[in-house]
Amino acid sequence: MTFLRQTVGGLPRVFWMLFSVMLVNRLGAFGLLLLPTYLTSARGATLAVAGLVTGVYGAGGAVGTLLGGVLADRWGRKPTYLAGLSTASVLMLAMGLARPLWLIAVLAGGIGLAHSLPGPATVAAIVDVLPEADRSRAFNLQFWAFNMGGAIAASVAGLIAEASFTALFFIDGAMTAATALAVWRLIPETLRRPAAAPAVGGSDRGFRSSDAVGAHVSTADSDHLPQRAGLGTVLRDRVFLTFVGLTFVLALLTVQGQSILQLAMEGDGLRPAAYGAVVSLGGAMIVVGQLFVPRLIRGRRHATVLAGAFALLAVGYSAVALAGPLWTYLAAASVWTIGQMLAAPPNASIIAELAPARLRGRYQGVFFLVFPAAGFVAPTVGGWSLQQLGSWHWVGCGLLGMLAAAGHLVAARTRERRTDHIRVIESAAASGAPEPAVA
């Protein structure tokens, strides 16, 4: 009982609504899970073309992520969420009917955009309703729900694909529409519009207290933030962008298991159901073990945990170079899954700490950009790399993971100073006390 209270106790009703909606959506999110296999086996595409078309999905997601971050701050969290789900459901049905490769590529880009719109809004909503002390375990639960739904979806996807890829897309579209209905009926808007604050004297006339928080985000480039701070402010924040770059490596490695891995398994004569088993194993491990991760990493520096997580990812993906039978793929997947489990809570906590409240949606949008960007780069380059380099492709993935592990240790101190300063500024702004000088 103590474990349950520490893991799930005290979280608000809005969070559990978001949790439930995400779980339902992920249970049906299998339409594009087997897109590379669909393109090669049903549409006759080469490995390189399959990687390129899959990459278009990631490119659309990159646009959708940035747009989602801006809209989450302007429209609100709920309208942005609804726009993404509604659009994705329609386009997924169209994908089930499409036959020319060029049309499949166009639809993949549109679906990528629509799928990525809700991401920044969802995380921003969680941060909106939770105090900092509860965010790590909330993000851990979010990661658990995401992967539990994904594990079930992957196992179902392999079986449905054996019978009909068209059914795969149609069922996904229907589940996405059902999720949109649930969001419309159950999820309240969490964005609080700030009241106008009185202007202060001097050359900073017209600035609000929250502007000082945003001004700090680019200590090397700017001493002041315009009254209408926007995406440019985020893109000038060097400490934040360093963290985003390291997360991009995490996303690149993760996408290997979602796209290029199935091509390697197909080359070893394994069927789509075998790939579904590998994905399901990772999801099952997360379902069983993820709730214990916060206790395991409690009291440890975020950077230390992330460095260890990246080392495990590196070992797991390098091991694919030696894989052949299904059990060897399952063994490699178990190693990189532990790395993903360890990385999820500190990664989400760091982005919440680095994002000033008034620009929360935009920060989340830029942060989430790494996942669709990786969704474009990893299959586009990875399909060519696997075709040209064979098993050495996976060795390169391992080296990249080890470099990123070292990068987290090097960047840790600067990142921790930034989060401490933002915490002090926002605390002063909330209490009405004079704000500390921007460093």
Protein backbone atom coordinates (compact mmCIF):
# COMPACT_ATOMS: atom_id res chain seq x y z
CA MET A 1 0.00 0.00 0.00
CA THR A 2 2.85 2.38 0.78
CA PHE A 3 4.34 1.71 -2.65
CA LEU A 4 1.01 2.46 -4.35
CA ARG A 5 0.57 5.71 -2.42
CA GLN A 6 4.08 6.83 -3.34
CA THR A 7 3.57 5.87 -6.99
CA VAL A 8 0.03 7.00 -7.81
CA GLY A 9 -1.34 8.74 -4.73
CA GLY A 10 -2.31 12.40 -4.62
CA LEU A 11 -2.34 13.07 -8.38
CA PRO A 12 -5.25 15.23 -9.58
CA ARG A 13 -8.25 14.00 -11.56
CA VAL A 14 -7.20 15.93 -14.68
CA PHE A 15 -3.94 13.98 -14.81
CA TRP A 16 -5.77 10.66 -14.66
CA MET A 17 -8.06 11.80 -17.47
CA LEU A 18 -5.02 12.60 -19.60
CA PHE A 19 -3.46 9.28 -18.61
CA SER A 20 -6.58 7.33 -19.61
CA VAL A 21 -6.98 9.11 -22.92
CA MET A 22 -3.34 8.47 -23.82
CA LEU A 23 -3.68 4.80 -22.97
CA VAL A 24 -6.80 4.38 -25.12
CA ASN A 25 -5.16 6.18 -28.03
CA ARG A 26 -2.00 4.08 -27.81
CA LEU A 27 -3.99 0.84 -27.75
CA GLY A 28 -5.15 1.62 -31.28
CA ALA A 29 -1.99 3.32 -32.53
CA PHE A 30 -0.74 0.56 -34.79
CA GLY A 31 -1.56 1.86 -38.28
CA LEU A 32 1.93 3.13 -39.11
CA LEU A 33 3.85 0.84 -36.77
CA LEU A 34 4.53 -1.56 -39.64
CA LEU A 35 4.76 1.07 -42.38
CA PRO A 36 8.26 0.01 -43.60
CA THR A 37 7.16 -3.64 -43.81
CA TYR A 38 3.92 -2.59 -45.56
CA LEU A 39 5.88 -0.62 -48.15
CA THR A 40 8.33 -3.42 -48.95
CA SER A 41 5.98 -6.40 -48.79
CA ALA A 42 2.67 -4.97 -50.07
CA ARG A 43 3.76 -2.02 -52.22
CA GLY A 44 7.04 -3.41 -53.60
CA ALA A 45 9.30 -0.58 -52.37
CA THR A 46 13.05 -1.01 -51.89
CA LEU A 47 14.66 -0.64 -48.46
CA ALA A 48 15.86 2.86 -49.32
CA VAL A 49 12.44 3.97 -50.62
CA ALA A 50 10.70 2.45 -47.60
CA GLY A 51 13.05 4.38 -45.33
CA LEU A 52 12.45 7.59 -47.27
CA VAL A 53 8.64 7.33 -47.16
CA THR A 54 8.78 6.49 -43.46
CA GLY A 55 11.02 9.52 -43.06
CA VAL A 56 8.34 11.73 -44.60
CA TYR A 57 6.15 10.79 -41.63
CA GLY A 58 8.89 12.13 -39.37
CA ALA A 59 9.24 15.31 -41.42
CA GLY A 60 5.52 15.98 -41.07
CA GLY A 61 5.86 15.33 -37.37
CA ALA A 62 8.60 17.93 -37.07
CA VAL A 63 6.27 20.58 -38.49
CA GLY A 64 3.41 19.36 -36.32
CA THR A 65 5.48 19.47 -33.16
CA LEU A 66 6.52 23.10 -33.59
CA LEU A 67 3.00 24.06 -34.62
CA GLY A 68 1.57 22.13 -31.68
CA GLY A 69 3.77 24.00 -29.23
CA VAL A 70 2.72 27.40 -30.57
CA LEU A 71 -0.98 26.47 -30.73
CA ALA A 72 -0.90 25.01 -27.21
CA ASP A 73 0.07 28.47 -25.92
CA ARG A 74 -2.25 30.41 -28.25
CA TRP A 75 -5.37 28.25 -28.68
CA GLY A 76 -5.04 26.23 -25.50
CA ARG A 77 -4.15 22.63 -24.71
CA LYS A 78 -7.54 21.06 -25.47
CA PRO A 79 -8.21 22.61 -28.93
CA THR A 80 -4.71 21.64 -30.06
CA TYR A 81 -5.20 18.08 -28.85
CA LEU A 82 -8.56 17.82 -30.64
CA ALA A 83 -7.22 19.25 -33.90
CA GLY A 84 -4.45 16.65 -34.06
CA LEU A 85 -6.64 13.66 -33.25
CA SER A 86 -9.47 14.62 -35.61
CA THR A 87 -7.15 15.20 -38.55
CA ALA A 88 -5.18 12.01 -37.91
CA SER A 89 -8.33 9.86 -37.87
CA VAL A 90 -9.43 11.08 -41.32
CA LEU A 91 -5.98 10.75 -42.89
CA MET A 92 -5.49 7.26 -41.48
CA LEU A 93 -8.66 6.08 -43.21
CA ALA A 94 -7.36 7.60 -46.46
CA MET A 95 -4.05 5.75 -45.99
CA GLY A 96 -5.94 2.45 -45.96
CA LEU A 97 -7.30 3.22 -49.43
CA ALA A 98 -4.13 4.72 -50.98
CA ARG A 99 -2.11 2.73 -53.48
CA PRO A 100 0.48 4.93 -55.32
CA LEU A 101 3.70 5.41 -53.35
CA TRP A 102 3.61 9.19 -53.86
CA LEU A 103 0.14 9.39 -52.30
CA ILE A 104 1.17 7.16 -49.40
CA ALA A 105 4.14 9.48 -48.82
CA VAL A 106 1.90 12.59 -48.82
CA LEU A 107 -0.54 10.97 -46.39
CA ALA A 108 2.33 9.81 -44.17
CA GLY A 109 3.55 13.40 -43.91
CA GLY A 110 0.06 14.64 -43.03
CA ILE A 111 -0.44 11.92 -40.43
CA GLY A 112 2.96 12.72 -38.94
CA LEU A 113 1.92 16.36 -38.56
CA ALA A 114 -1.43 15.45 -37.00
CA HIS A 115 0.07 12.84 -34.64
CA SER A 116 2.59 15.37 -33.31
CA LEU A 117 0.20 18.23 -32.59
CA PRO A 118 -1.06 16.85 -29.25
CA GLY A 119 2.37 16.02 -27.78
CA PRO A 120 3.41 19.48 -26.52
CA ALA A 121 -0.15 20.21 -25.39
CA THR A 122 -0.34 16.99 -23.35
CA VAL A 123 2.93 17.54 -21.49
CA ALA A 124 2.18 21.23 -20.97
CA ALA A 125 -1.20 20.27 -19.48
CA ILE A 126 0.46 17.86 -17.05
CA VAL A 127 2.89 20.56 -15.95
CA ASP A 128 -0.04 23.02 -15.67
CA VAL A 129 -1.86 20.91 -13.08
CA LEU A 130 1.01 19.37 -11.09
CA PRO A 131 3.52 20.88 -8.66
CA GLU A 132 7.18 20.24 -9.39
CA ALA A 133 7.49 17.61 -6.66
CA ASP A 134 4.90 15.36 -8.38
CA ARG A 135 6.01 15.75 -11.98
CA SER A 136 8.68 13.04 -12.09
CA ARG A 137 6.31 10.26 -11.03
CA ALA A 138 3.56 11.68 -13.27
CA PHE A 139 5.88 11.55 -16.28
CA ASN A 140 6.91 8.06 -15.26
CA LEU A 141 3.25 7.01 -15.26
CA GLN A 142 2.75 8.73 -18.62
CA PHE A 143 5.68 6.76 -20.07
CA TRP A 144 4.21 3.59 -18.57
CA ALA A 145 0.81 4.19 -20.21
CA PHE A 146 2.42 5.09 -23.53
CA ASN A 147 4.38 1.85 -23.62
CA MET A 148 1.68 -0.38 -22.18
CA GLY A 149 -0.65 0.72 -24.95
CA GLY A 150 2.16 0.42 -27.48
CA ALA A 151 3.02 -3.11 -26.40
CA ILE A 152 -0.55 -4.29 -26.85
CA ALA A 153 -0.85 -2.41 -30.15
CA ALA A 154 2.36 -3.98 -31.48
CA SER A 155 1.26 -7.51 -30.69
CA VAL A 156 -2.13 -6.90 -32.28
CA ALA A 157 -0.63 -5.10 -35.29
CA GLY A 158 1.50 -8.07 -36.31
CA LEU A 159 -1.52 -10.36 -36.27
CA ILE A 160 -3.81 -7.95 -38.15
CA ALA A 161 -1.12 -7.25 -40.75
CA GLU A 162 -0.85 -10.96 -41.52
CA ALA A 163 -4.50 -10.77 -42.66
CA SER A 164 -4.91 -7.21 -44.00
CA PHE A 165 -2.88 -3.99 -43.89
CA THR A 166 -6.00 -2.07 -44.92
CA ALA A 167 -7.80 -3.23 -41.78
CA LEU A 168 -4.79 -2.06 -39.79
CA PHE A 169 -5.22 1.53 -41.01
CA PHE A 170 -9.02 1.51 -40.68
CA ILE A 171 -9.01 0.29 -37.07
CA ASP A 172 -6.37 2.86 -36.15
CA GLY A 173 -8.47 5.64 -37.66
CA ALA A 174 -11.55 4.53 -35.74
CA MET A 175 -9.66 4.36 -32.44
CA THR A 176 -8.20 7.82 -33.01
CA ALA A 177 -11.68 9.23 -33.64
CA ALA A 178 -12.90 7.62 -30.40
CA THR A 179 -9.99 9.25 -28.54
CA ALA A 180 -10.94 12.66 -29.96
CA LEU A 181 -14.47 12.18 -28.64
CA ALA A 182 -13.12 11.28 -25.20
CA VAL A 183 -10.91 14.39 -25.12
CA TRP A 184 -13.86 16.58 -26.12
CA ARG A 185 -16.08 15.18 -23.36
CA LEU A 186 -13.63 14.58 -20.52
CA ILE A 187 -10.56 16.83 -20.66
CA PRO A 188 -10.86 20.42 -19.36
CA GLU A 189 -8.68 23.28 -20.55
CA THR A 190 -5.69 23.72 -18.24
CA LEU A 191 -4.04 26.80 -19.75
CA ARG A 192 -4.34 29.79 -17.42
CA ARG A 193 -4.17 33.11 -19.21
CA PRO A 194 -1.94 35.49 -17.21
CA ALA A 195 -3.48 38.75 -16.10
CA ALA A 196 -1.78 41.90 -17.32
CA ALA A 197 0.77 43.12 -14.79
CA PRO A 198 1.68 46.77 -14.18
CA ALA A 199 4.62 48.12 -16.09
CA VAL A 200 7.88 48.80 -14.32
CA GLY A 201 10.04 51.84 -14.72
CA GLY A 202 13.24 52.48 -16.64
CA SER A 203 14.23 51.03 -19.98
CA ASP A 204 12.30 47.83 -19.22
CA ARG A 205 8.92 49.59 -19.33
CA GLY A 206 6.10 47.27 -20.33
CA PHE A 207 7.81 44.09 -19.13
CA ARG A 208 5.94 41.68 -16.89
CA SER A 209 7.43 39.67 -14.06
CA SER A 210 7.26 36.49 -16.10
CA ASP A 211 9.33 38.16 -18.82
CA ALA A 212 12.32 38.06 -16.51
CA VAL A 213 11.98 34.30 -16.45
CA GLY A 214 11.97 34.18 -20.23
CA ALA A 215 14.84 36.66 -20.41
CA HIS A 216 17.02 34.27 -18.48
CA VAL A 217 16.59 31.51 -21.04
CA SER A 218 19.25 33.02 -23.27
CA THR A 219 21.87 34.31 -20.90
CA ALA A 220 24.59 34.31 -23.51
CA ASP A 221 22.61 36.04 -26.23
CA SER A 222 20.09 38.41 -24.70
CA ASP A 223 19.61 40.36 -21.51
CA HIS A 224 15.96 41.14 -22.13
CA LEU A 225 12.95 39.37 -23.56
CA PRO A 226 10.48 41.20 -25.83
CA GLN A 227 7.01 41.63 -24.46
CA ARG A 228 5.75 39.16 -27.05
CA ALA A 229 8.31 36.45 -26.45
CA GLY A 230 7.96 33.62 -28.91
CA LEU A 231 9.67 30.73 -30.61
CA GLY A 232 12.84 32.74 -31.27
CA THR A 233 13.43 33.03 -27.54
CA VAL A 234 13.41 29.25 -27.22
CA LEU A 235 15.73 28.81 -30.20
CA ARG A 236 18.31 31.14 -28.62
CA ASP A 237 18.46 29.21 -25.36
CA ARG A 238 21.80 27.40 -25.60
CA VAL A 239 21.50 25.36 -22.41
CA PHE A 240 18.09 24.10 -23.48
CA LEU A 241 19.20 23.36 -27.04
CA THR A 242 22.17 21.33 -25.77
CA PHE A 243 19.73 19.17 -23.85
CA VAL A 244 17.51 18.93 -26.94
CA GLY A 245 20.50 17.78 -29.00
CA LEU A 246 21.29 14.98 -26.56
CA THR A 247 17.64 13.95 -26.53
CA PHE A 248 17.76 13.84 -30.33
CA VAL A 249 20.34 11.06 -30.02
CA LEU A 250 17.96 9.20 -27.68
CA ALA A 251 15.20 9.60 -30.26
CA LEU A 252 17.47 8.45 -33.11
CA LEU A 253 18.33 5.26 -31.26
CA THR A 254 14.71 4.64 -30.25
CA VAL A 255 13.47 5.04 -33.84
CA GLN A 256 15.93 2.33 -34.90
CA GLY A 257 13.75 -0.10 -32.99
CA GLN A 258 10.60 1.27 -34.60
CA SER A 259 11.69 1.31 -38.24
CA ILE A 260 15.09 -0.07 -39.28
CA LEU A 261 14.96 -3.02 -36.90
CA GLN A 262 12.02 -4.56 -38.72
CA LEU A 263 13.94 -4.33 -42.00
CA ALA A 264 16.90 -6.13 -40.42
CA MET A 265 14.57 -8.81 -39.07
CA GLU A 266 12.89 -9.18 -42.45
CA GLY A 267 16.35 -9.67 -43.96
CA ASP A 268 16.90 -12.54 -41.51
CA GLY A 269 13.70 -14.18 -42.70
CA LEU A 270 11.54 -13.19 -39.72
CA ARG A 271 7.87 -12.32 -40.30
CA PRO A 272 5.94 -9.22 -39.04
CA ALA A 273 4.61 -11.19 -36.07
CA ALA A 274 8.21 -11.69 -34.88
CA TYR A 275 8.79 -7.95 -34.94
CA GLY A 276 5.56 -7.51 -33.00
CA ALA A 277 6.95 -9.91 -30.40
CA VAL A 278 10.11 -7.81 -29.99
CA VAL A 279 8.13 -4.59 -29.54
CA SER A 280 5.71 -6.34 -27.20
CA LEU A 281 8.59 -7.58 -25.04
CA GLY A 282 9.83 -4.03 -24.56
CA GLY A 283 6.36 -2.84 -23.72
CA ALA A 284 5.80 -5.70 -21.29
CA MET A 285 9.06 -4.95 -19.48
CA ILE A 286 8.00 -1.32 -19.11
CA VAL A 287 4.54 -2.30 -17.88
CA VAL A 288 6.02 -4.59 -15.23
CA GLY A 289 9.03 -2.54 -14.18
CA GLN A 290 8.49 1.14 -14.96
CA LEU A 291 6.58 1.90 -11.76
CA PHE A 292 9.66 0.86 -9.76
CA VAL A 293 12.02 3.18 -11.63
CA PRO A 294 11.36 6.34 -9.55
CA ARG A 295 12.36 4.50 -6.37
CA LEU A 296 15.46 3.10 -8.09
CA ILE A 297 16.74 6.49 -9.30
CA ARG A 298 15.55 8.61 -6.36
CA GLY A 299 18.31 10.83 -5.00
CA ARG A 300 20.56 10.39 -8.03
CA ARG A 301 21.53 13.23 -10.36
CA HIS A 302 19.57 13.37 -13.59
CA ALA A 303 22.79 13.43 -15.62
CA THR A 304 24.16 10.29 -13.97
CA VAL A 305 20.95 8.36 -14.62
CA LEU A 306 20.82 9.54 -18.23
CA ALA A 307 24.46 8.62 -18.86
CA GLY A 308 23.80 5.09 -17.59
CA ALA A 309 20.63 4.87 -19.68
CA PHE A 310 22.46 5.86 -22.84
CA ALA A 311 25.19 3.30 -22.18
CA LEU A 312 22.53 0.57 -22.02
CA LEU A 313 20.96 1.83 -25.25
CA ALA A 314 24.37 1.71 -26.90
CA VAL A 315 24.99 -1.88 -25.81
CA GLY A 316 21.53 -3.03 -26.85
CA TYR A 317 21.59 -1.59 -30.34
CA SER A 318 25.20 -2.67 -30.93
CA ALA A 319 24.13 -6.24 -30.12
CA VAL A 320 21.80 -6.26 -33.15
CA ALA A 321 24.94 -6.54 -35.29
CA LEU A 322 25.28 -10.12 -33.98
CA ALA A 323 21.56 -10.97 -34.01
CA GLY A 324 19.95 -13.62 -36.22
CA PRO A 325 17.38 -15.88 -34.57
CA LEU A 326 14.40 -14.25 -32.86
CA TRP A 327 15.77 -14.87 -29.35
CA THR A 328 18.86 -12.76 -30.08
CA TYR A 329 16.68 -9.82 -31.10
CA LEU A 330 14.64 -10.28 -27.94
CA ALA A 331 17.81 -10.25 -25.82
CA ALA A 332 19.08 -7.05 -27.44
CA ALA A 333 15.67 -5.40 -27.02
CA SER A 334 15.61 -6.22 -23.31
CA VAL A 335 18.89 -4.30 -22.80
CA TRP A 336 17.90 -1.13 -24.66
CA THR A 337 14.44 -1.19 -23.06
CA ILE A 338 16.00 -0.93 -19.59
CA GLY A 339 17.89 2.11 -20.88
CA GLN A 340 14.65 3.68 -22.12
CA MET A 341 12.96 2.99 -18.78
CA LEU A 342 15.72 4.74 -16.84
CA ALA A 343 15.85 7.72 -19.21
CA ALA A 344 12.15 8.60 -19.26
CA PRO A 345 11.57 10.25 -15.83
CA PRO A 346 14.72 12.44 -15.67
CA ASN A 347 14.37 13.44 -19.32
CA ALA A 348 10.80 14.68 -18.81
CA SER A 349 11.67 16.37 -15.52
CA ILE A 350 14.55 18.32 -17.05
CA ILE A 351 12.43 19.78 -19.84
CA ALA A 352 9.79 20.82 -17.30
CA GLU A 353 12.47 22.52 -15.19
CA LEU A 354 14.06 24.36 -18.12
CA ALA A 355 10.78 25.74 -19.52
CA PRO A 356 9.57 29.13 -18.16
CA ALA A 357 5.86 29.00 -17.39
CA ARG A 358 4.76 31.58 -19.96
CA LEU A 359 6.56 29.76 -22.80
CA ARG A 360 5.79 26.23 -21.65
CA GLY A 361 4.00 25.14 -24.83
CA ARG A 362 6.71 26.51 -27.12
CA TYR A 363 9.49 24.87 -25.10
CA GLN A 364 7.61 21.58 -25.24
CA GLY A 365 7.11 22.05 -28.98
CA VAL A 366 10.83 22.49 -29.65
CA PHE A 367 11.68 19.63 -27.31
CA PHE A 368 9.19 17.28 -28.94
CA LEU A 369 10.61 18.25 -32.32
CA VAL A 370 13.45 15.79 -31.74
CA PHE A 371 11.14 12.78 -32.05
CA PRO A 372 9.61 13.48 -35.48
CA ALA A 373 12.97 14.84 -36.64
CA ALA A 374 14.51 11.53 -35.63
CA GLY A 375 11.55 9.83 -37.28
CA PHE A 376 12.71 11.44 -40.53
CA VAL A 377 16.49 11.12 -40.17
CA ALA A 378 16.67 7.62 -38.71
CA PRO A 379 14.72 5.72 -41.39
CA THR A 380 15.87 7.93 -44.27
CA VAL A 381 19.56 7.53 -43.45
CA GLY A 382 19.12 4.19 -41.72
CA GLY A 383 17.56 2.43 -44.71
CA TRP A 384 20.51 3.46 -46.88
CA SER A 385 23.00 2.69 -44.10
CA LEU A 386 21.62 -0.80 -43.49
CA GLN A 387 21.65 -1.50 -47.22
CA GLN A 388 25.24 -0.29 -47.65
CA LEU A 389 26.90 -1.13 -44.32
CA GLY A 390 24.93 -4.11 -43.10
CA SER A 391 25.70 -5.00 -39.48
CA TRP A 392 28.14 -2.09 -39.10
CA HIS A 393 25.10 0.17 -39.05
CA TRP A 394 24.31 -1.10 -35.54
CA VAL A 395 27.90 -0.63 -34.38
CA GLY A 396 27.60 3.01 -35.38
CA CYS A 397 24.42 3.31 -33.32
CA GLY A 398 26.30 2.03 -30.29
CA LEU A 399 29.11 4.55 -30.70
CA LEU A 400 26.59 7.38 -30.99
CA GLY A 401 24.92 6.28 -27.75
CA MET A 402 28.21 6.27 -25.83
CA LEU A 403 29.07 9.78 -27.05
CA ALA A 404 25.70 11.05 -25.85
CA ALA A 405 26.24 9.41 -22.44
CA ALA A 406 29.45 11.40 -22.06
CA GLY A 407 27.66 14.54 -23.29
CA HIS A 408 25.13 14.39 -20.45
CA LEU A 409 27.90 14.27 -17.87
CA VAL A 410 29.71 17.23 -19.42
CA ALA A 411 26.57 19.40 -19.69
CA ALA A 412 25.19 18.58 -16.24
CA ARG A 413 26.59 21.43 -14.16
CA THR A 414 25.51 24.25 -16.49
CA ARG A 415 22.03 22.74 -16.81
CA GLU A 416 21.64 22.42 -13.04
CA ARG A 417 22.64 26.06 -12.49
CA ARG A 418 20.03 27.12 -15.03
CA THR A 419 17.20 25.17 -13.42
CA ASP A 420 18.09 26.49 -9.96
CA HIS A 421 18.00 30.08 -11.23
CA ILE A 422 14.67 29.66 -13.04
CA ARG A 423 13.20 28.11 -9.88
CA VAL A 424 14.26 31.14 -7.83
CA ILE A 425 12.90 33.63 -10.38
CA GLU A 426 9.52 31.91 -10.71
CA SER A 427 9.20 31.60 -6.94
CA ALA A 428 9.89 35.34 -6.60
CA ALA A 429 7.40 36.15 -9.36
CA ALA A 430 4.69 34.04 -7.71
CA SER A 431 5.21 35.70 -4.31
CA GLY A 432 5.47 39.23 -5.68
CA ALA A 433 8.97 39.65 -4.24
CA PRO A 434 11.70 41.52 -6.15
CA GLU A 435 13.21 39.24 -8.77
CA PRO A 436 16.87 38.25 -8.71
CA ALA A 437 19.08 39.76 -11.35
CA VAL A 438 19.23 37.81 -14.58
CA ALA A 439 22.55 35.99 -14.77
